[in-house]
């Protein structure tokens, strides 16, 4: 695997220098996102993951979801908040009572790495404008959520 490393010249004596580099200064593709978890509701899914080492270069993430009826969908890129930080993204407009698969990809200028694939089945139901959702990523002005369980 090709890595771009940053090095320095270290003086050995008055007339000779040696070029040395540290592994910690090598730039590479980011490590795979970890601890991916998905919670499904009727028409949405909340995807959470923990970021890993960014390869020494700024990274961003995309979430991919797919199923047999809707095919593959990609969410907008999300900027990294830092190593070992929890990130989350809500995927909307999913079909109810359907099984979906999700994975998260970390990107930087040296490549990309993907998480494991996690599946989730959306809940059975019909979306109405008065329906409340349990997921914190769904907001609607027609509904007031109380006690995280019902509408008023």
N, C-alpha and C. Protein backbone atom coordinates (compact mmCIF):
# COMPACT_ATOMS: atom_id res chain seq x y z
N UNK A 1 0.84 -1.17 0.00
CA UNK A 1 0.00 0.00 0.00
C UNK A 1 0.89 1.24 0.00
N UNK A 2 0.62 2.15 -0.89
CA UNK A 2 1.39 3.38 -0.99
C UNK A 2 0.95 4.36 0.07
N UNK A 3 1.91 4.91 0.79
CA UNK A 3 1.63 5.94 1.77
C UNK A 3 2.52 7.13 1.47
N UNK A 4 2.01 8.31 1.63
CA UNK A 4 2.79 9.53 1.50
C UNK A 4 3.23 9.91 2.90
N UNK A 5 4.56 9.93 3.11
CA UNK A 5 5.06 10.22 4.45
C UNK A 5 5.75 11.57 4.48
N UNK A 6 5.63 12.23 5.60
CA UNK A 6 6.26 13.51 5.82
C UNK A 6 7.51 13.25 6.64
N UNK A 7 8.65 13.75 6.19
CA UNK A 7 9.89 13.50 6.90
C UNK A 7 10.66 14.77 7.20
N UNK A 8 11.76 14.58 7.90
CA UNK A 8 12.65 15.69 8.21
C UNK A 8 14.09 15.23 8.05
N UNK A 9 15.00 16.18 7.81
CA UNK A 9 16.43 15.87 7.75
C UNK A 9 17.02 16.03 9.15
N UNK A 10 17.70 14.99 9.60
CA UNK A 10 18.32 15.00 10.93
C UNK A 10 19.83 15.05 10.75
N UNK A 11 20.51 16.03 11.34
CA UNK A 11 21.97 16.10 11.22
C UNK A 11 22.65 14.94 11.95
N UNK A 12 23.55 14.25 11.23
CA UNK A 12 24.33 13.17 11.83
C UNK A 12 25.66 13.74 12.32
N UNK A 13 26.26 14.55 11.50
CA UNK A 13 27.47 15.27 11.89
C UNK A 13 27.48 16.59 11.12
N UNK A 14 28.59 17.29 11.09
CA UNK A 14 28.65 18.61 10.47
C UNK A 14 28.46 18.60 8.96
N UNK A 15 28.70 17.47 8.32
CA UNK A 15 28.63 17.43 6.85
C UNK A 15 27.57 16.49 6.30
N UNK A 16 26.90 15.75 7.15
CA UNK A 16 25.96 14.75 6.65
C UNK A 16 24.62 14.83 7.38
N UNK A 17 23.55 14.72 6.59
CA UNK A 17 22.19 14.67 7.16
C UNK A 17 21.52 13.39 6.70
N UNK A 18 20.66 12.86 7.51
CA UNK A 18 19.89 11.67 7.16
C UNK A 18 18.41 12.05 7.13
N UNK A 19 17.72 11.59 6.09
CA UNK A 19 16.28 11.86 5.97
C UNK A 19 15.54 10.78 6.74
N UNK A 20 14.72 11.18 7.68
CA UNK A 20 13.98 10.21 8.50
C UNK A 20 12.51 10.63 8.53
N UNK A 21 11.65 9.64 8.70
CA UNK A 21 10.23 9.96 8.84
C UNK A 21 9.62 9.08 9.92
N UNK A 22 8.52 9.53 10.42
CA UNK A 22 7.81 8.82 11.46
C UNK A 22 6.53 8.23 10.87
N UNK A 23 6.18 7.01 11.29
CA UNK A 23 4.93 6.40 10.82
C UNK A 23 3.72 7.25 11.17
N UNK A 24 3.81 8.00 12.26
CA UNK A 24 2.67 8.81 12.66
C UNK A 24 2.46 10.00 11.72
N UNK A 25 3.45 10.29 10.88
CA UNK A 25 3.32 11.39 9.93
C UNK A 25 2.97 10.91 8.53
N UNK A 26 2.72 9.62 8.37
CA UNK A 26 2.36 9.09 7.05
C UNK A 26 0.90 9.38 6.76
N UNK A 27 0.64 9.79 5.53
CA UNK A 27 -0.73 10.06 5.11
C UNK A 27 -1.26 8.85 4.36
N UNK A 28 -2.46 8.42 4.68
CA UNK A 28 -3.05 7.23 4.08
C UNK A 28 -4.56 7.37 4.06
N UNK A 29 -5.24 6.37 3.50
CA UNK A 29 -6.70 6.40 3.52
C UNK A 29 -7.17 6.26 4.97
N UNK A 30 -8.38 6.77 5.27
CA UNK A 30 -8.88 6.69 6.65
C UNK A 30 -9.21 5.26 7.05
N UNK A 31 -9.20 5.02 8.35
CA UNK A 31 -9.62 3.72 8.86
C UNK A 31 -11.14 3.63 8.76
N UNK A 32 -11.65 2.43 8.76
CA UNK A 32 -13.10 2.20 8.63
C UNK A 32 -13.86 2.74 9.85
N UNK A 33 -15.02 3.35 9.62
CA UNK A 33 -15.87 3.76 10.74
C UNK A 33 -16.28 2.53 11.54
N UNK A 34 -16.42 2.69 12.85
CA UNK A 34 -16.75 1.55 13.70
C UNK A 34 -18.05 1.74 14.46
N UNK A 35 -18.43 0.68 15.15
CA UNK A 35 -19.58 0.69 16.04
C UNK A 35 -20.83 1.26 15.36
N UNK A 36 -21.11 0.80 14.14
CA UNK A 36 -22.28 1.30 13.40
C UNK A 36 -23.55 0.69 13.98
N UNK A 37 -24.54 1.55 14.19
CA UNK A 37 -25.83 1.13 14.73
C UNK A 37 -26.94 1.84 13.95
N UNK A 38 -28.01 1.11 13.69
CA UNK A 38 -29.13 1.67 12.92
C UNK A 38 -30.42 1.41 13.68
N UNK A 39 -31.25 2.45 13.81
CA UNK A 39 -32.56 2.34 14.41
C UNK A 39 -33.59 2.76 13.37
N UNK A 40 -34.52 1.86 13.07
CA UNK A 40 -35.52 2.15 12.04
C UNK A 40 -36.85 2.57 12.65
N UNK A 41 -37.54 3.45 11.94
CA UNK A 41 -38.90 3.85 12.26
C UNK A 41 -39.75 3.50 11.04
N UNK A 42 -40.92 4.09 10.88
CA UNK A 42 -41.81 3.75 9.78
C UNK A 42 -41.20 4.12 8.43
N UNK A 43 -40.68 5.33 8.32
CA UNK A 43 -40.17 5.79 7.02
C UNK A 43 -38.78 6.41 7.11
N UNK A 44 -38.05 6.11 8.17
CA UNK A 44 -36.72 6.69 8.34
C UNK A 44 -35.83 5.76 9.15
N UNK A 45 -34.55 6.05 9.11
CA UNK A 45 -33.58 5.28 9.90
C UNK A 45 -32.52 6.24 10.42
N UNK A 46 -32.16 6.09 11.67
CA UNK A 46 -31.09 6.87 12.27
C UNK A 46 -29.84 6.00 12.28
N UNK A 47 -28.80 6.45 11.58
CA UNK A 47 -27.55 5.70 11.48
C UNK A 47 -26.52 6.40 12.36
N UNK A 48 -25.90 5.66 13.27
CA UNK A 48 -24.87 6.20 14.18
C UNK A 48 -23.60 5.39 14.02
N UNK A 49 -22.47 6.08 14.12
CA UNK A 49 -21.18 5.39 14.04
C UNK A 49 -20.13 6.19 14.77
N UNK A 50 -19.00 5.53 15.03
CA UNK A 50 -17.86 6.18 15.67
C UNK A 50 -16.76 6.34 14.62
N UNK A 51 -16.22 7.56 14.53
CA UNK A 51 -15.15 7.80 13.57
C UNK A 51 -13.86 7.17 14.07
N UNK A 52 -12.98 6.87 13.13
CA UNK A 52 -11.68 6.30 13.43
C UNK A 52 -10.60 7.25 12.93
N UNK A 53 -9.36 6.77 12.92
CA UNK A 53 -8.22 7.59 12.47
C UNK A 53 -8.47 8.07 11.04
N UNK A 54 -8.23 9.35 10.80
CA UNK A 54 -8.52 9.95 9.50
C UNK A 54 -7.41 9.80 8.47
N UNK A 55 -6.38 9.06 8.78
CA UNK A 55 -5.28 8.84 7.84
C UNK A 55 -4.33 10.03 7.77
N UNK A 56 -4.44 10.97 8.70
CA UNK A 56 -3.58 12.14 8.70
C UNK A 56 -4.07 13.25 7.79
N UNK A 57 -5.29 13.10 7.28
CA UNK A 57 -5.85 14.05 6.33
C UNK A 57 -7.33 14.25 6.68
N UNK A 58 -7.90 15.43 6.49
CA UNK A 58 -9.32 15.63 6.82
C UNK A 58 -10.21 14.61 6.11
N UNK A 59 -11.21 14.11 6.83
CA UNK A 59 -12.11 13.11 6.26
C UNK A 59 -13.56 13.55 6.35
N UNK A 60 -14.38 12.92 5.54
CA UNK A 60 -15.83 13.11 5.58
C UNK A 60 -16.46 11.73 5.44
N UNK A 61 -17.78 11.67 5.65
CA UNK A 61 -18.49 10.39 5.63
C UNK A 61 -19.69 10.45 4.71
N UNK A 62 -20.02 9.32 4.10
CA UNK A 62 -21.29 9.14 3.41
C UNK A 62 -21.96 7.89 3.98
N UNK A 63 -23.28 7.94 4.01
CA UNK A 63 -24.06 6.77 4.43
C UNK A 63 -24.75 6.22 3.20
N UNK A 64 -24.63 4.94 2.98
CA UNK A 64 -25.27 4.27 1.86
C UNK A 64 -26.36 3.36 2.40
N UNK A 65 -27.54 3.44 1.80
CA UNK A 65 -28.63 2.54 2.16
C UNK A 65 -29.11 1.86 0.88
N UNK A 66 -29.53 0.62 1.02
CA UNK A 66 -30.05 -0.07 -0.16
C UNK A 66 -31.03 -1.17 0.25
N UNK A 67 -31.96 -1.43 -0.66
CA UNK A 67 -32.88 -2.56 -0.55
C UNK A 67 -33.27 -2.98 -1.95
N UNK A 68 -34.05 -4.04 -2.05
CA UNK A 68 -34.37 -4.60 -3.36
C UNK A 68 -35.32 -3.72 -4.17
N UNK A 69 -36.20 -2.94 -3.52
CA UNK A 69 -37.17 -2.13 -4.26
C UNK A 69 -36.68 -0.73 -4.61
N UNK A 70 -35.95 -0.10 -3.71
CA UNK A 70 -35.50 1.27 -3.96
C UNK A 70 -34.07 1.36 -4.49
N UNK A 71 -33.36 0.26 -4.49
CA UNK A 71 -31.99 0.28 -4.97
C UNK A 71 -31.05 0.94 -3.97
N UNK A 72 -29.97 1.52 -4.48
CA UNK A 72 -28.95 2.13 -3.64
C UNK A 72 -29.15 3.64 -3.56
N UNK A 73 -29.05 4.18 -2.35
CA UNK A 73 -29.16 5.62 -2.14
C UNK A 73 -27.98 6.09 -1.30
N UNK A 74 -27.47 7.27 -1.62
CA UNK A 74 -26.35 7.85 -0.90
C UNK A 74 -26.79 9.13 -0.21
N UNK A 75 -26.44 9.28 1.05
CA UNK A 75 -26.74 10.52 1.76
C UNK A 75 -25.64 11.54 1.48
N UNK A 76 -25.93 12.80 1.72
CA UNK A 76 -24.92 13.86 1.56
C UNK A 76 -23.73 13.59 2.48
N UNK A 77 -22.59 14.14 2.09
CA UNK A 77 -21.39 13.97 2.92
C UNK A 77 -21.51 14.72 4.22
N UNK A 78 -21.01 14.10 5.27
CA UNK A 78 -21.00 14.68 6.60
C UNK A 78 -19.55 14.89 7.01
N UNK A 79 -19.23 16.07 7.50
CA UNK A 79 -17.86 16.40 7.90
C UNK A 79 -17.52 15.71 9.22
N UNK A 80 -16.29 15.24 9.31
CA UNK A 80 -15.80 14.57 10.51
C UNK A 80 -15.72 15.56 11.68
N UNK A 81 -16.18 15.13 12.85
CA UNK A 81 -16.12 15.95 14.06
C UNK A 81 -14.91 15.61 14.91
N UNK A 82 -14.10 14.64 14.49
CA UNK A 82 -12.91 14.25 15.24
C UNK A 82 -12.86 12.76 15.49
N UNK A 83 -11.66 12.27 15.75
CA UNK A 83 -11.45 10.83 15.97
C UNK A 83 -12.19 10.37 17.23
N UNK A 84 -12.80 9.19 17.12
CA UNK A 84 -13.54 8.55 18.21
C UNK A 84 -14.77 9.34 18.65
N UNK A 85 -15.32 10.15 17.76
CA UNK A 85 -16.55 10.90 18.05
C UNK A 85 -17.73 10.15 17.44
N UNK A 86 -18.88 10.25 18.11
CA UNK A 86 -20.10 9.65 17.59
C UNK A 86 -20.72 10.61 16.57
N UNK A 87 -21.05 10.08 15.41
CA UNK A 87 -21.71 10.83 14.35
C UNK A 87 -23.05 10.18 14.09
N UNK A 88 -24.01 10.94 13.58
CA UNK A 88 -25.30 10.35 13.22
C UNK A 88 -25.89 11.09 12.04
N UNK A 89 -26.66 10.34 11.29
CA UNK A 89 -27.32 10.89 10.11
C UNK A 89 -28.66 10.19 9.95
N UNK A 90 -29.69 10.96 9.63
CA UNK A 90 -31.02 10.40 9.44
C UNK A 90 -31.28 10.19 7.95
N UNK A 91 -31.69 9.00 7.60
CA UNK A 91 -32.07 8.67 6.23
C UNK A 91 -33.60 8.64 6.18
N UNK A 92 -34.19 9.45 5.32
CA UNK A 92 -35.65 9.58 5.27
C UNK A 92 -36.21 9.00 3.96
N UNK A 93 -37.52 9.04 3.84
CA UNK A 93 -38.25 8.57 2.65
C UNK A 93 -38.03 7.08 2.39
N UNK A 94 -37.99 6.29 3.45
CA UNK A 94 -37.90 4.85 3.31
C UNK A 94 -39.32 4.27 3.28
N UNK A 95 -39.47 3.08 2.73
CA UNK A 95 -40.76 2.40 2.68
C UNK A 95 -40.99 1.64 3.98
N UNK A 96 -42.24 1.60 4.46
CA UNK A 96 -42.53 0.89 5.71
C UNK A 96 -42.46 -0.62 5.47
N UNK A 97 -42.18 -1.34 6.54
CA UNK A 97 -42.11 -2.82 6.54
C UNK A 97 -41.11 -3.36 5.51
N UNK A 98 -40.01 -2.66 5.33
CA UNK A 98 -38.99 -3.09 4.37
C UNK A 98 -37.65 -3.28 5.07
N UNK A 99 -36.91 -4.26 4.61
CA UNK A 99 -35.57 -4.48 5.13
C UNK A 99 -34.58 -3.65 4.33
N UNK A 100 -33.73 -2.91 5.02
CA UNK A 100 -32.70 -2.08 4.40
C UNK A 100 -31.35 -2.47 4.96
N UNK A 101 -30.32 -2.24 4.16
CA UNK A 101 -28.95 -2.44 4.61
C UNK A 101 -28.24 -1.10 4.52
N UNK A 102 -27.36 -0.85 5.49
CA UNK A 102 -26.66 0.43 5.59
C UNK A 102 -25.18 0.19 5.83
N UNK A 103 -24.37 1.10 5.30
CA UNK A 103 -22.96 1.14 5.69
C UNK A 103 -22.46 2.57 5.55
N UNK A 104 -21.38 2.86 6.29
CA UNK A 104 -20.80 4.20 6.32
C UNK A 104 -19.42 4.13 5.70
N UNK A 105 -19.11 5.11 4.85
CA UNK A 105 -17.79 5.18 4.21
C UNK A 105 -17.09 6.45 4.63
N UNK A 106 -15.83 6.30 5.07
CA UNK A 106 -14.97 7.44 5.39
C UNK A 106 -14.13 7.75 4.16
N UNK A 107 -14.04 9.05 3.81
CA UNK A 107 -13.30 9.49 2.62
C UNK A 107 -12.26 10.52 3.02
N UNK A 108 -11.07 10.46 2.41
CA UNK A 108 -10.12 11.56 2.44
C UNK A 108 -9.41 11.59 1.09
N UNK A 109 -8.44 12.46 0.92
CA UNK A 109 -7.80 12.60 -0.39
C UNK A 109 -6.92 11.41 -0.77
N UNK A 110 -6.72 10.47 0.14
CA UNK A 110 -5.89 9.29 -0.14
C UNK A 110 -6.69 8.02 -0.35
N UNK A 111 -8.03 8.10 -0.24
CA UNK A 111 -8.86 6.92 -0.48
C UNK A 111 -10.07 6.89 0.42
N UNK A 112 -10.65 5.70 0.56
CA UNK A 112 -11.83 5.54 1.39
C UNK A 112 -11.85 4.15 2.02
N UNK A 113 -12.60 4.02 3.12
CA UNK A 113 -12.78 2.75 3.83
C UNK A 113 -14.23 2.69 4.30
N UNK A 114 -14.82 1.51 4.21
CA UNK A 114 -16.23 1.35 4.58
C UNK A 114 -16.39 0.50 5.83
N UNK A 115 -17.48 0.76 6.54
CA UNK A 115 -17.82 0.00 7.74
C UNK A 115 -18.42 -1.34 7.34
N UNK A 116 -18.75 -2.11 8.34
CA UNK A 116 -19.51 -3.33 8.11
C UNK A 116 -20.92 -2.94 7.67
N UNK A 117 -21.63 -3.88 7.07
CA UNK A 117 -23.03 -3.66 6.66
C UNK A 117 -23.95 -4.05 7.80
N UNK A 118 -24.90 -3.17 8.11
CA UNK A 118 -25.87 -3.43 9.17
C UNK A 118 -27.26 -3.35 8.56
N UNK A 119 -28.14 -4.28 8.94
CA UNK A 119 -29.51 -4.26 8.38
C UNK A 119 -30.51 -3.82 9.44
N UNK A 120 -31.63 -3.33 8.95
CA UNK A 120 -32.71 -2.84 9.82
C UNK A 120 -34.00 -2.92 9.01
N UNK A 121 -35.10 -3.27 9.67
CA UNK A 121 -36.40 -3.30 9.00
C UNK A 121 -37.26 -2.16 9.52
N UNK A 122 -37.78 -1.37 8.58
CA UNK A 122 -38.65 -0.27 8.98
C UNK A 122 -39.93 -0.83 9.58
N UNK A 123 -40.53 -0.05 10.45
CA UNK A 123 -41.75 -0.49 11.14
C UNK A 123 -42.94 -0.48 10.19
N UNK A 124 -43.93 -1.29 10.52
CA UNK A 124 -45.15 -1.32 9.73
C UNK A 124 -46.01 -0.12 10.09
N UNK A 125 -46.59 0.51 9.12
CA UNK A 125 -47.45 1.64 9.39
C UNK A 125 -47.63 2.50 8.17
N UNK A 126 -48.53 3.41 8.28
CA UNK A 126 -48.79 4.36 7.20
C UNK A 126 -48.50 5.74 7.75
N UNK A 127 -47.70 6.47 7.06
CA UNK A 127 -47.35 7.82 7.50
C UNK A 127 -48.53 8.76 7.27
N UNK A 128 -48.90 9.48 8.30
CA UNK A 128 -49.90 10.54 8.16
C UNK A 128 -49.29 11.81 8.72
N UNK A 129 -49.86 12.93 8.38
CA UNK A 129 -49.27 14.19 8.83
C UNK A 129 -49.39 14.38 10.34
N UNK A 130 -50.19 13.57 11.03
CA UNK A 130 -50.32 13.70 12.48
C UNK A 130 -49.54 12.63 13.24
N UNK A 131 -48.79 11.86 12.52
CA UNK A 131 -48.06 10.77 13.16
C UNK A 131 -46.80 11.28 13.83
N UNK A 132 -46.54 10.79 15.02
CA UNK A 132 -45.30 11.12 15.72
C UNK A 132 -44.30 9.99 15.53
N UNK A 133 -43.04 10.37 15.52
CA UNK A 133 -41.98 9.39 15.37
C UNK A 133 -41.17 9.35 16.65
N UNK A 134 -40.62 8.20 16.93
CA UNK A 134 -39.80 8.04 18.13
C UNK A 134 -38.35 8.46 17.89
N UNK A 135 -37.93 8.53 16.65
CA UNK A 135 -36.55 8.88 16.38
C UNK A 135 -36.32 10.37 16.55
N UNK A 136 -35.20 10.76 17.13
CA UNK A 136 -34.94 12.19 17.32
C UNK A 136 -34.61 12.93 16.02
N UNK A 137 -34.40 12.22 14.93
CA UNK A 137 -34.02 12.90 13.69
C UNK A 137 -35.22 13.35 12.87
N UNK A 138 -36.43 13.00 13.25
CA UNK A 138 -37.62 13.40 12.50
C UNK A 138 -38.29 14.55 13.24
N UNK A 139 -38.48 15.65 12.54
CA UNK A 139 -39.13 16.81 13.13
C UNK A 139 -40.32 17.19 12.26
N UNK A 140 -41.42 17.48 12.90
CA UNK A 140 -42.59 17.90 12.15
C UNK A 140 -43.35 18.95 12.95
N UNK A 141 -43.86 19.97 12.29
CA UNK A 141 -44.59 21.00 13.02
C UNK A 141 -46.06 20.64 13.24
N UNK A 142 -46.52 19.50 12.73
CA UNK A 142 -47.90 19.07 12.96
C UNK A 142 -48.00 18.20 14.21
N UNK A 143 -46.91 17.97 14.87
CA UNK A 143 -46.89 16.97 15.93
C UNK A 143 -46.05 17.47 17.10
N UNK A 144 -46.51 17.21 18.30
CA UNK A 144 -45.74 17.52 19.50
C UNK A 144 -45.44 16.20 20.18
N UNK A 145 -44.17 15.95 20.43
CA UNK A 145 -43.79 14.70 21.07
C UNK A 145 -43.67 14.92 22.57
N UNK A 146 -44.39 14.10 23.32
CA UNK A 146 -44.30 14.15 24.78
C UNK A 146 -43.88 12.78 25.27
N UNK A 147 -42.99 12.77 26.22
CA UNK A 147 -42.50 11.53 26.82
C UNK A 147 -41.97 10.56 25.77
N UNK A 148 -41.54 11.06 24.62
CA UNK A 148 -40.97 10.24 23.55
C UNK A 148 -41.91 9.11 23.10
N UNK A 149 -43.21 9.23 23.32
CA UNK A 149 -44.06 8.09 22.97
C UNK A 149 -45.39 8.44 22.33
N UNK A 150 -45.91 9.66 22.45
CA UNK A 150 -47.22 9.90 21.86
C UNK A 150 -47.40 11.35 21.47
N UNK A 151 -48.42 11.61 20.70
CA UNK A 151 -48.71 12.98 20.23
C UNK A 151 -49.78 13.61 21.11
N UNK A 152 -49.70 14.92 21.18
CA UNK A 152 -50.74 15.64 21.91
C UNK A 152 -51.46 16.57 20.96
